[in-house]
């Protein structure tokens, strides 16, 4: 019976050293696989827009809807726009957008105030 467990006769120390080196090599490969790789400088990871950017975009959209409503209303008053339904629809859309913005503001303010109370 061989004390090394299946490694035969001549050159058994060389075989053990070779097996040891294979184990070390495989261990290095496994360690490299499990380590996070740094992003290459030319690659940019996709990032989600920040909360501030999302809020700014939403406010810009509300502002543009209100500006369009004002433009259509002024055109109607000057007699350039004759479709009253279009004017009323634009005003309603601007009103709904403003109300939605106001509700979001109220929720954010309430969340902020609640957060401040938790710190006390």
C-alpha atoms as a PDB file:
ATOM      1  CA  UNK A   1       0.000   0.000   0.000  1.00  0.00           C
ATOM      2  CA  UNK A   2       1.281   3.404  -0.971  1.00  0.00           C
ATOM      3  CA  UNK A   3       1.371   6.006   1.839  1.00  0.00           C
ATOM      4  CA  UNK A   4       0.582   8.878  -0.554  1.00  0.00           C
ATOM      5  CA  UNK A   5      -2.734   7.356  -1.658  1.00  0.00           C
ATOM      6  CA  UNK A   6      -2.506   6.260  -5.248  1.00  0.00           C
ATOM      7  CA  UNK A   7       0.713   7.914  -6.253  1.00  0.00           C
ATOM      8  CA  UNK A   8       3.006   5.222  -7.456  1.00  0.00           C
ATOM      9  CA  UNK A   9       6.686   4.350  -7.234  1.00  0.00           C
ATOM     10  CA  UNK A  10       9.408   6.492  -8.812  1.00  0.00           C
ATOM     11  CA  UNK A  11       9.092  10.222  -8.863  1.00  0.00           C
ATOM     12  CA  UNK A  12       6.321  10.364  -6.283  1.00  0.00           C
ATOM     13  CA  UNK A  13       7.764  13.511  -4.712  1.00  0.00           C
ATOM     14  CA  UNK A  14       7.746  15.193  -8.130  1.00  0.00           C
ATOM     15  CA  UNK A  15       4.105  14.200  -8.564  1.00  0.00           C
ATOM     16  CA  UNK A  16       3.217  15.547  -5.132  1.00  0.00           C
ATOM     17  CA  UNK A  17       4.957  18.835  -5.931  1.00  0.00           C
ATOM     18  CA  UNK A  18       3.133  19.002  -9.275  1.00  0.00           C
ATOM     19  CA  UNK A  19      -0.230  18.336  -7.582  1.00  0.00           C
ATOM     20  CA  UNK A  20       0.561  20.959  -4.962  1.00  0.00           C
ATOM     21  CA  UNK A  21       1.334  23.496  -7.689  1.00  0.00           C
ATOM     22  CA  UNK A  22      -1.937  22.659  -9.469  1.00  0.00           C
ATOM     23  CA  UNK A  23      -3.853  23.181  -6.232  1.00  0.00           C
ATOM     24  CA  UNK A  24      -2.125  26.532  -5.673  1.00  0.00           C
ATOM     25  CA  UNK A  25      -2.849  27.599  -9.269  1.00  0.00           C
ATOM     26  CA  UNK A  26      -6.517  26.612  -8.991  1.00  0.00           C
ATOM     27  CA  UNK A  27      -6.785  28.388  -5.664  1.00  0.00           C
ATOM     28  CA  UNK A  28      -5.436  31.590  -7.229  1.00  0.00           C
ATOM     29  CA  UNK A  29      -7.923  31.322 -10.091  1.00  0.00           C
ATOM     30  CA  UNK A  30     -10.808  30.824  -7.662  1.00  0.00           C
ATOM     31  CA  UNK A  31      -9.687  33.804  -5.577  1.00  0.00           C
ATOM     32  CA  UNK A  32      -9.534  35.982  -8.694  1.00  0.00           C
ATOM     33  CA  UNK A  33     -13.035  34.884  -9.676  1.00  0.00           C
ATOM     34  CA  UNK A  34     -14.475  35.786  -6.284  1.00  0.00           C
ATOM     35  CA  UNK A  35     -12.838  39.221  -6.040  1.00  0.00           C
ATOM     36  CA  UNK A  36     -14.807  42.158  -7.467  1.00  0.00           C
ATOM     37  CA  UNK A  37     -13.205  43.480 -10.595  1.00  0.00           C
ATOM     38  CA  UNK A  38     -12.628  47.225 -10.870  1.00  0.00           C
ATOM     39  CA  UNK A  39     -14.452  48.860 -13.743  1.00  0.00           C
ATOM     40  CA  UNK A  40     -12.300  49.740 -16.694  1.00  0.00           C
ATOM     41  CA  UNK A  41     -11.794  53.494 -17.086  1.00  0.00           C
ATOM     42  CA  UNK A  42     -13.533  53.492 -20.458  1.00  0.00           C
ATOM     43  CA  UNK A  43     -16.562  51.604 -19.177  1.00  0.00           C
ATOM     44  CA  UNK A  44     -19.263  53.431 -17.289  1.00  0.00           C
ATOM     45  CA  UNK A  45     -21.636  51.467 -15.158  1.00  0.00           C
ATOM     46  CA  UNK A  46     -25.273  52.367 -15.725  1.00  0.00           C
ATOM     47  CA  UNK A  47     -26.482  54.468 -12.842  1.00  0.00           C
ATOM     48  CA  UNK A  48     -29.997  55.186 -11.778  1.00  0.00           C
ATOM     49  CA  UNK A  49     -30.913  58.845 -11.721  1.00  0.00           C
ATOM     50  CA  UNK A  50     -30.672  60.398  -8.280  1.00  0.00           C
ATOM     51  CA  UNK A  51     -33.765  61.441  -6.384  1.00  0.00           C
ATOM     52  CA  UNK A  52     -32.880  65.091  -6.912  1.00  0.00           C
ATOM     53  CA  UNK A  53     -32.546  64.593 -10.665  1.00  0.00           C
ATOM     54  CA  UNK A  54     -35.889  62.782 -10.825  1.00  0.00           C
ATOM     55  CA  UNK A  55     -37.578  65.519  -8.829  1.00  0.00           C
ATOM     56  CA  UNK A  56     -36.014  68.234 -10.976  1.00  0.00           C
ATOM     57  CA  UNK A  57     -37.197  66.492 -14.144  1.00  0.00           C
ATOM     58  CA  UNK A  58     -40.727  66.172 -12.766  1.00  0.00           C
ATOM     59  CA  UNK A  59     -40.803  69.851 -11.792  1.00  0.00           C
ATOM     60  CA  UNK A  60     -39.510  70.837 -15.226  1.00  0.00           C
ATOM     61  CA  UNK A  61     -42.325  68.813 -16.807  1.00  0.00           C
ATOM     62  CA  UNK A  62     -44.929  70.520 -14.602  1.00  0.00           C
ATOM     63  CA  UNK A  63     -43.450  73.894 -15.484  1.00  0.00           C
ATOM     64  CA  UNK A  64     -43.611  73.148 -19.217  1.00  0.00           C
ATOM     65  CA  UNK A  65     -47.248  72.003 -18.929  1.00  0.00           C
ATOM     66  CA  UNK A  66     -48.133  75.216 -17.100  1.00  0.00           C
ATOM     67  CA  UNK A  67     -46.245  77.339 -19.622  1.00  0.00           C
ATOM     68  CA  UNK A  68     -48.078  75.633 -22.506  1.00  0.00           C
ATOM     69  CA  UNK A  69     -51.399  76.198 -20.749  1.00  0.00           C
ATOM     70  CA  UNK A  70     -50.564  79.876 -20.321  1.00  0.00           C
ATOM     71  CA  UNK A  71     -49.537  80.140 -23.973  1.00  0.00           C
ATOM     72  CA  UNK A  72     -52.762  78.532 -25.216  1.00  0.00           C
ATOM     73  CA  UNK A  73     -54.891  80.655 -22.866  1.00  0.00           C
ATOM     74  CA  UNK A  74     -53.195  83.841 -24.043  1.00  0.00           C
ATOM     75  CA  UNK A  75     -53.665  82.775 -27.670  1.00  0.00           C
ATOM     76  CA  UNK A  76     -57.379  82.209 -26.986  1.00  0.00           C
ATOM     77  CA  UNK A  77     -57.689  85.632 -25.386  1.00  0.00           C
ATOM     78  CA  UNK A  78     -56.051  87.229 -28.432  1.00  0.00           C
ATOM     79  CA  UNK A  79     -58.429  85.327 -30.719  1.00  0.00           C
ATOM     80  CA  UNK A  80     -55.690  83.159 -32.273  1.00  0.00           C
ATOM     81  CA  UNK A  81     -57.018  79.930 -30.737  1.00  0.00           C
ATOM     82  CA  UNK A  82     -60.662  79.137 -31.373  1.00  0.00           C
ATOM     83  CA  UNK A  83     -60.921  75.652 -29.850  1.00  0.00           C
ATOM     84  CA  UNK A  84     -62.205  76.249 -26.321  1.00  0.00           C
ATOM     85  CA  UNK A  85     -61.987  72.531 -25.528  1.00  0.00           C
ATOM     86  CA  UNK A  86     -58.246  72.575 -26.229  1.00  0.00           C
ATOM     87  CA  UNK A  87     -57.817  75.609 -23.954  1.00  0.00           C
ATOM     88  CA  UNK A  88     -59.834  74.052 -21.136  1.00  0.00           C
ATOM     89  CA  UNK A  89     -58.019  70.731 -21.483  1.00  0.00           C
ATOM     90  CA  UNK A  90     -54.626  72.465 -21.242  1.00  0.00           C
ATOM     91  CA  UNK A  91     -55.754  74.373 -18.142  1.00  0.00           C
ATOM     92  CA  UNK A  92     -57.087  71.215 -16.507  1.00  0.00           C
ATOM     93  CA  UNK A  93     -53.871  69.359 -17.292  1.00  0.00           C
ATOM     94  CA  UNK A  94     -51.827  72.165 -15.747  1.00  0.00           C
ATOM     95  CA  UNK A  95     -54.093  72.158 -12.689  1.00  0.00           C
ATOM     96  CA  UNK A  96     -53.772  68.410 -12.201  1.00  0.00           C
ATOM     97  CA  UNK A  97     -49.980  68.558 -12.643  1.00  0.00           C
ATOM     98  CA  UNK A  98     -49.780  71.331 -10.053  1.00  0.00           C
ATOM     99  CA  UNK A  99     -51.989  69.456  -7.586  1.00  0.00           C
ATOM    100  CA  UNK A 100     -49.883  66.309  -8.004  1.00  0.00           C
ATOM    101  CA  UNK A 101     -46.725  68.343  -7.382  1.00  0.00           C
ATOM    102  CA  UNK A 102     -48.295  69.896  -4.312  1.00  0.00           C
ATOM    103  CA  UNK A 103     -49.216  66.447  -2.937  1.00  0.00           C
ATOM    104  CA  UNK A 104     -45.670  65.176  -3.491  1.00  0.00           C
ATOM    105  CA  UNK A 105     -44.323  68.256  -1.723  1.00  0.00           C
ATOM    106  CA  UNK A 106     -46.655  67.655   1.221  1.00  0.00           C
ATOM    107  CA  UNK A 107     -45.577  64.000   1.479  1.00  0.00           C
ATOM    108  CA  UNK A 108     -41.893  64.948   1.345  1.00  0.00           C
ATOM    109  CA  UNK A 109     -42.395  67.613   3.984  1.00  0.00           C
ATOM    110  CA  UNK A 110     -44.253  65.163   6.242  1.00  0.00           C
ATOM    111  CA  UNK A 111     -41.484  62.574   5.794  1.00  0.00           C
ATOM    112  CA  UNK A 112     -38.837  65.179   6.599  1.00  0.00           C
ATOM    113  CA  UNK A 113     -40.674  66.296   9.720  1.00  0.00           C
ATOM    114  CA  UNK A 114     -41.101  62.693  10.845  1.00  0.00           C
ATOM    115  CA  UNK A 115     -37.391  62.072  10.330  1.00  0.00           C
ATOM    116  CA  UNK A 116     -36.548  65.144  12.392  1.00  0.00           C
ATOM    117  CA  UNK A 117     -38.807  63.937  15.217  1.00  0.00           C
ATOM    118  CA  UNK A 118     -37.087  60.545  15.237  1.00  0.00           C
ATOM    119  CA  UNK A 119     -33.741  62.191  15.984  1.00  0.00           C
ATOM    120  CA  UNK A 120     -34.999  63.719  19.218  1.00  0.00           C
END
